[in-house]
């Protein structure tokens, strides 16, 4: 699905089906409860950057949960891929979510800073050289907490996704997902590749959560 000449109809179905996959396995409901909701306020706006937002479903979910809890959250969701940006922009979303076609380097060059920086399923796309650069840029953009949520590689994860992914015909979900699992880090590998200051936590099912707290002594 990353190839520029891939079928646009199948790509749109893939972005749409990511909503189902992320709700089922990405664990953002728990991340929202444990990491995001405690730093949000009912009176002060918290700004959040979603890097590599793809079809935009995670940003829209987080905005909906914050709105339901009467917490003020403004989300900027970015992806350098024009196709992802255009698909996300067509989704129904509130004014609390803004989609942009942009890279982290472009945002950093603009001098932007966000209270919270997140990503979903981005880390496994990065090699040994790309990961430190990505983390440095996300740290530069973050004034508070950074949370990068990704797949944790294991034979069981591959086997279960292989069996379940037949439920998503007509898209790139199956091929992309199996490739992503093969490329993803184990917890030990991610810890070894991560610069000082970042923490890696193993989560279920088959997740790695990479976090940075810029204000460890703050409220």
Protein backbone atom coordinates (compact mmCIF):
# COMPACT_ATOMS: atom_id res chain seq x y z
CA UNK A 1 0.00 0.00 0.00
CA UNK A 2 3.01 2.33 0.29
CA UNK A 3 3.76 2.06 -3.43
CA UNK A 4 2.71 5.15 -5.42
CA UNK A 5 1.00 3.05 -8.10
CA UNK A 6 -1.19 0.92 -5.84
CA UNK A 7 -4.88 0.59 -6.64
CA UNK A 8 -6.71 3.64 -5.18
CA UNK A 9 -9.97 1.78 -4.50
CA UNK A 10 -8.17 -0.96 -2.57
CA UNK A 11 -6.17 1.69 -0.73
CA UNK A 12 -9.33 3.52 0.35
CA UNK A 13 -10.82 0.23 1.59
CA UNK A 14 -7.60 -0.38 3.52
CA UNK A 15 -7.80 3.00 5.25
CA UNK A 16 -11.45 2.34 6.08
CA UNK A 17 -10.71 -1.14 7.47
CA UNK A 18 -7.88 0.20 9.62
CA UNK A 19 -10.60 1.63 11.86
CA UNK A 20 -11.80 -1.89 12.65
CA UNK A 21 -8.29 -3.30 13.09
CA UNK A 22 -7.14 -0.47 15.34
CA UNK A 23 -10.21 -0.72 17.55
CA UNK A 24 -9.65 -4.47 17.89
CA UNK A 25 -5.92 -4.68 18.55
CA UNK A 26 -4.19 -1.28 18.86
CA UNK A 27 -5.28 -0.70 22.46
CA UNK A 28 -5.91 3.04 22.26
CA UNK A 29 -8.85 2.88 24.67
CA UNK A 30 -6.51 1.73 27.42
CA UNK A 31 -3.80 4.20 26.40
CA UNK A 32 -6.35 7.01 26.55
CA UNK A 33 -7.40 6.00 30.07
CA UNK A 34 -3.90 5.52 31.49
CA UNK A 35 -1.76 8.07 29.61
CA UNK A 36 -3.93 10.72 27.99
CA UNK A 37 -7.03 11.34 30.11
CA UNK A 38 -4.97 12.11 33.27
CA UNK A 39 -3.20 15.02 31.51
CA UNK A 40 -6.32 16.51 29.92
CA UNK A 41 -8.31 19.37 31.42
CA UNK A 42 -11.90 20.52 31.31
CA UNK A 43 -10.81 24.18 31.30
CA UNK A 44 -7.45 24.34 29.49
CA UNK A 45 -6.88 23.16 25.92
CA UNK A 46 -4.36 20.34 25.48
CA UNK A 47 -2.78 20.12 22.03
CA UNK A 48 -1.98 16.72 20.53
CA UNK A 49 -0.04 15.79 17.41
CA UNK A 50 -0.77 12.45 15.69
CA UNK A 51 2.21 11.59 13.45
CA UNK A 52 1.62 9.36 10.44
CA UNK A 53 -2.13 9.40 11.01
CA UNK A 54 -3.02 7.33 7.93
CA UNK A 55 -6.80 7.29 7.54
CA UNK A 56 -7.28 9.42 10.65
CA UNK A 57 -9.30 6.97 12.74
CA UNK A 58 -7.15 7.17 15.89
CA UNK A 59 -7.28 10.97 15.98
CA UNK A 60 -11.05 10.94 15.55
CA UNK A 61 -11.47 8.32 18.30
CA UNK A 62 -9.34 10.28 20.77
CA UNK A 63 -11.25 13.47 20.05
CA UNK A 64 -14.57 11.68 20.59
CA UNK A 65 -13.47 10.17 23.91
CA UNK A 66 -12.19 13.53 25.19
CA UNK A 67 -15.40 15.25 24.11
CA UNK A 68 -17.49 12.61 25.87
CA UNK A 69 -15.44 13.18 29.04
CA UNK A 70 -15.87 16.97 28.62
CA UNK A 71 -12.13 17.48 28.30
CA UNK A 72 -10.61 20.05 25.96
CA UNK A 73 -8.36 18.44 23.35
CA UNK A 74 -7.26 19.87 20.01
CA UNK A 75 -5.64 17.38 17.62
CA UNK A 76 -3.42 18.00 14.62
CA UNK A 77 -3.10 14.77 12.61
CA UNK A 78 -0.41 14.69 9.91
CA UNK A 79 0.72 12.30 7.22
CA UNK A 80 3.20 13.01 4.42
CA UNK A 81 1.25 10.78 2.01
CA UNK A 82 -1.24 12.83 -0.02
CA UNK A 83 -3.57 9.83 -0.39
CA UNK A 84 -3.83 9.34 3.37
CA UNK A 85 -4.39 13.06 3.89
CA UNK A 86 -7.17 13.18 1.30
CA UNK A 87 -8.92 10.09 2.73
CA UNK A 88 -8.71 11.40 6.30
CA UNK A 89 -10.07 14.77 5.22
CA UNK A 90 -13.18 13.10 3.81
CA UNK A 91 -14.01 11.43 7.12
CA UNK A 92 -16.60 12.95 9.38
CA UNK A 93 -14.80 14.68 12.22
CA UNK A 94 -15.22 17.54 14.64
CA UNK A 95 -13.51 20.92 14.60
CA UNK A 96 -11.20 19.59 17.32
CA UNK A 97 -9.33 17.55 14.67
CA UNK A 98 -7.26 19.16 11.90
CA UNK A 99 -5.64 17.05 9.17
CA UNK A 100 -2.47 18.19 7.41
CA UNK A 101 -0.22 16.72 4.74
CA UNK A 102 3.13 17.26 6.42
CA UNK A 103 6.20 15.55 7.85
CA UNK A 104 7.66 15.90 11.33
CA UNK A 105 10.64 17.75 9.85
CA UNK A 106 8.30 20.33 8.30
CA UNK A 107 6.46 20.85 11.58
CA UNK A 108 9.74 21.21 13.47
CA UNK A 109 10.94 23.76 10.92
CA UNK A 110 7.78 25.77 11.63
CA UNK A 111 8.70 25.84 15.32
CA UNK A 112 5.52 24.05 16.39
CA UNK A 113 5.18 22.40 19.80
CA UNK A 114 2.44 20.17 21.18
CA UNK A 115 1.57 19.07 24.70
CA UNK A 116 1.24 15.45 23.55
CA UNK A 117 2.76 13.68 20.54
CA UNK A 118 1.56 10.24 19.48
CA UNK A 119 1.91 7.75 16.65
CA UNK A 120 0.26 4.46 15.80
CA UNK A 121 2.03 1.75 13.77
CA UNK A 122 4.85 4.02 12.61
CA UNK A 123 7.88 2.58 14.41
CA UNK A 124 8.05 -0.65 12.40
CA UNK A 125 8.48 1.40 9.22
CA UNK A 126 11.75 2.83 10.57
CA UNK A 127 15.17 1.22 10.25
CA UNK A 128 18.13 1.59 12.62
CA UNK A 129 18.98 5.00 11.16
CA UNK A 130 15.41 6.28 10.81
CA UNK A 131 14.23 5.47 14.34
CA UNK A 132 16.59 7.85 16.22
CA UNK A 133 15.79 10.67 13.80
CA UNK A 134 12.04 10.10 14.18
CA UNK A 135 12.30 10.06 17.97
CA UNK A 136 14.47 13.18 18.00
CA UNK A 137 11.94 15.04 15.85
CA UNK A 138 8.97 13.86 17.93
CA UNK A 139 10.80 14.91 21.12
CA UNK A 140 11.49 18.32 19.59
CA UNK A 141 7.79 18.73 18.79
CA UNK A 142 6.71 17.60 22.27
CA UNK A 143 6.49 19.82 25.34
CA UNK A 144 4.94 17.15 27.56
CA UNK A 145 4.33 13.49 26.75
CA UNK A 146 5.17 11.43 23.67
CA UNK A 147 3.49 8.06 23.10
CA UNK A 148 4.40 5.78 20.19
CA UNK A 149 2.25 2.65 19.96
CA UNK A 150 3.34 -0.19 17.72
CA UNK A 151 3.16 -3.90 16.98
CA UNK A 152 5.38 -6.31 18.94
CA UNK A 153 6.77 -9.04 16.73
CA UNK A 154 6.08 -12.64 17.72
CA UNK A 155 5.18 -15.91 15.99
CA UNK A 156 1.82 -15.92 17.78
CA UNK A 157 0.97 -12.41 16.51
CA UNK A 158 1.81 -13.47 12.95
CA UNK A 159 -0.22 -16.68 13.17
CA UNK A 160 -3.29 -15.01 14.69
CA UNK A 161 -3.28 -12.16 12.18
CA UNK A 162 -2.77 -14.64 9.33
CA UNK A 163 -5.91 -16.47 10.44
CA UNK A 164 -8.03 -13.38 11.13
CA UNK A 165 -7.05 -11.20 8.17
CA UNK A 166 -9.15 -13.23 5.73
CA UNK A 167 -12.05 -11.17 7.09
CA UNK A 168 -10.77 -8.08 5.21
CA UNK A 169 -11.12 -8.83 1.48
CA UNK A 170 -10.53 -6.31 -1.28
CA UNK A 171 -7.86 -4.32 0.58
CA UNK A 172 -4.17 -4.38 1.48
CA UNK A 173 -4.87 -5.21 5.13
CA UNK A 174 -3.66 -8.81 4.95
CA UNK A 175 -0.44 -8.28 3.01
CA UNK A 176 0.39 -5.02 4.79
CA UNK A 177 -0.34 -6.44 8.23
CA UNK A 178 1.78 -9.56 7.80
CA UNK A 179 4.66 -7.48 6.43
CA UNK A 180 4.30 -5.06 9.33
CA UNK A 181 4.49 -7.85 11.91
CA UNK A 182 7.65 -9.23 10.30
CA UNK A 183 9.23 -5.75 10.33
CA UNK A 184 8.20 -4.84 13.86
CA UNK A 185 10.47 -4.82 16.91
CA UNK A 186 10.48 -7.19 19.83
CA UNK A 187 10.48 -5.39 23.17
CA UNK A 188 14.17 -6.13 23.69
CA UNK A 189 15.07 -4.89 20.21
CA UNK A 190 13.16 -1.66 20.69
CA UNK A 191 14.81 -1.02 24.05
CA UNK A 192 18.23 -1.57 22.50
CA UNK A 193 17.48 0.83 19.62
CA UNK A 194 15.91 3.60 21.73
CA UNK A 195 17.91 6.64 22.94
CA UNK A 196 18.14 7.49 26.66
CA UNK A 197 15.09 9.14 28.18
CA UNK A 198 12.55 6.93 26.42
CA UNK A 199 10.75 4.05 28.17
CA UNK A 200 9.56 0.86 26.45
CA UNK A 201 6.64 -1.10 27.90
CA UNK A 202 5.33 -4.45 26.73
CA UNK A 203 1.54 -4.45 26.40
CA UNK A 204 -1.14 -6.89 25.31
CA UNK A 205 -2.03 -7.97 22.78
CA UNK A 206 1.36 -8.00 21.02
CA UNK A 207 2.13 -4.31 21.58
CA UNK A 208 5.12 -2.14 22.38
CA UNK A 209 4.51 1.29 23.92
CA UNK A 210 7.38 3.75 23.67
CA UNK A 211 6.97 6.85 25.85
CA UNK A 212 8.79 10.04 26.77
CA UNK A 213 7.88 12.39 29.61
CA UNK A 214 9.38 15.86 29.18
CA UNK A 215 8.04 16.97 32.61
CA UNK A 216 8.71 14.03 34.95
CA UNK A 217 8.38 16.19 38.03
CA UNK A 218 5.29 18.03 36.86
CA UNK A 219 1.68 17.58 37.89
